[in-house]
Protein backbone atom coordinates (compact mmCIF):
# COMPACT_ATOMS: atom_id res chain seq x y z
CA UNK A 1 14.28 8.23 15.44
CA UNK A 2 16.18 5.12 15.32
CA UNK A 3 15.50 1.99 12.65
CA UNK A 4 16.98 -0.85 11.49
CA UNK A 5 17.89 -1.26 7.87
CA UNK A 6 17.53 -4.68 5.40
CA UNK A 7 19.60 -4.08 2.15
CA UNK A 8 17.68 -5.29 -0.93
CA UNK A 9 17.23 -4.75 -4.70
CA UNK A 10 14.34 -2.57 -5.56
CA UNK A 11 13.21 -1.16 -8.58
CA UNK A 12 12.91 2.53 -8.14
CA UNK A 13 9.41 3.76 -8.82
CA UNK A 14 10.81 6.97 -10.25
CA UNK A 15 13.94 6.20 -12.45
CA UNK A 16 12.66 2.34 -13.17
CA UNK A 17 16.27 1.18 -12.39
CA UNK A 18 16.75 -1.82 -10.20
CA UNK A 19 19.04 -0.83 -7.51
CA UNK A 20 20.33 -2.09 -4.15
CA UNK A 21 19.15 0.37 -1.57
CA UNK A 22 18.85 0.32 2.49
CA UNK A 23 15.38 0.38 3.61
CA UNK A 24 14.62 1.72 6.99
CA UNK A 25 12.27 -0.09 9.30
CA UNK A 26 10.86 -0.50 12.56
CA UNK A 27 10.24 -4.16 13.87
CA UNK A 28 12.24 -6.04 16.60
CA UNK A 29 14.70 -4.36 18.17
CA UNK A 30 15.33 -0.92 17.09
CA UNK A 31 19.15 -0.43 17.40
CA UNK A 32 20.14 0.43 13.94
CA UNK A 33 20.85 -3.38 13.03
CA UNK A 34 21.66 -4.19 9.35
CA UNK A 35 19.74 -6.89 7.79
CA UNK A 36 19.78 -8.83 4.55
CA UNK A 37 16.77 -10.98 3.35
CA UNK A 38 16.76 -14.05 5.09
CA UNK A 39 18.08 -12.91 8.26
CA UNK A 40 15.99 -13.43 11.67
CA UNK A 41 15.00 -10.14 13.48
CA UNK A 42 16.50 -9.61 16.86
CA UNK A 43 14.32 -9.23 19.67
CA UNK A 44 16.55 -9.43 22.56
CA UNK A 45 18.69 -6.52 23.82
CA UNK A 46 16.86 -3.27 23.90
CA UNK A 47 13.90 -1.10 22.62
CA UNK A 48 11.49 -2.85 20.51
CA UNK A 49 8.49 -2.65 18.46
CA UNK A 50 6.09 -3.88 19.47
CA UNK A 51 7.36 -3.64 23.18
CA UNK A 52 7.38 -7.56 23.05
CA UNK A 53 7.46 -9.96 20.44
CA UNK A 54 4.04 -10.66 19.07
CA UNK A 55 2.92 -14.15 18.68
CA UNK A 56 2.01 -14.12 14.79
CA UNK A 57 3.85 -15.83 11.92
CA UNK A 58 3.40 -13.09 8.98
CA UNK A 59 4.21 -9.62 9.33
CA UNK A 60 4.08 -7.00 6.89
CA UNK A 61 5.50 -3.36 7.70
CA UNK A 62 6.16 -0.16 5.79
CA UNK A 63 9.95 0.84 5.19
CA UNK A 64 11.46 3.77 3.62
CA UNK A 65 14.19 4.17 0.97
CA UNK A 66 15.99 6.68 -1.00
CA UNK A 67 17.01 5.44 -4.40
CA UNK A 68 20.83 4.79 -4.83
CA UNK A 69 21.19 5.00 -8.65
CA UNK A 70 24.38 6.09 -9.67
CA UNK A 71 23.42 6.72 -13.48
CA UNK A 72 20.57 9.23 -12.73
CA UNK A 73 21.68 12.71 -13.80
CA UNK A 74 21.76 14.08 -10.30
CA UNK A 75 20.51 13.02 -6.71
CA UNK A 76 17.61 15.01 -7.45
CA UNK A 77 16.07 13.13 -10.07
CA UNK A 78 14.13 10.70 -7.46
CA UNK A 79 14.25 13.06 -4.40
CA UNK A 80 12.68 14.52 -2.88
CA UNK A 81 10.05 11.91 -2.65
CA UNK A 82 11.38 8.90 -0.32
CA UNK A 83 10.05 5.60 -1.67
CA UNK A 84 8.41 3.11 0.42
CA UNK A 85 8.81 -0.54 0.47
CA UNK A 86 6.86 -3.42 2.21
CA UNK A 87 8.93 -5.68 4.33
CA UNK A 88 7.40 -9.14 4.85
CA UNK A 89 8.61 -10.93 7.67
CA UNK A 90 7.58 -14.73 8.26
CA UNK A 91 8.45 -16.40 11.60
CA UNK A 92 10.60 -13.70 12.19
CA UNK A 93 12.98 -14.12 9.03
CA UNK A 94 12.70 -11.04 6.56
CA UNK A 95 11.24 -12.78 3.38
CA UNK A 96 10.66 -10.28 0.97
CA UNK A 97 11.17 -6.57 0.52
CA UNK A 98 9.25 -4.86 -2.34
CA UNK A 99 8.14 -1.43 -3.62
CA UNK A 100 5.04 -0.29 -1.74
CA UNK A 101 2.32 2.12 -3.15
CA UNK A 102 -0.23 1.31 -0.63
CA UNK A 103 -1.70 3.99 1.72
CA UNK A 104 0.72 5.17 4.79
CA UNK A 105 0.04 7.39 7.65
CA UNK A 106 2.03 10.67 8.27
CA UNK A 107 3.67 8.92 11.20
CA UNK A 108 5.33 6.40 8.93
CA UNK A 109 6.86 2.60 9.59
CA UNK A 110 3.18 1.39 9.27
CA UNK A 111 2.14 -2.09 10.31
CA UNK A 112 0.23 -3.25 7.24
CA UNK A 113 -0.67 -6.77 8.66
CA UNK A 114 -1.45 -8.08 10.83
CA UNK A 115 -3.78 -4.94 11.69
CA UNK A 116 -4.14 -5.41 15.22
CA UNK A 117 -0.56 -4.70 16.03
CA UNK A 118 -0.65 -0.99 14.09
């Protein structure tokens, strides 16, 4: 399954260290695009989710990341649990990426807001 990635500082909920990690998410054109907070989401040029750009100002969607803390004693310290992040997109710009501890479905990449797009 393809996804895009946004790189952001996050506080790992397992080791409590601030890490910069890539968060996989599915919004806009899904083409392994690499983003930073502040970047505008691409809507032209390929398969997208949803299939057409919705006319909404605010979107919150779930993404997934692994802790990249080099100070952990082993790569298994924060694994196998994959951490979830909430990506907030406002007027097509990525505004915020934060750890998400809410509910998510088994198929993942949930759209939390607006609910009618999920």
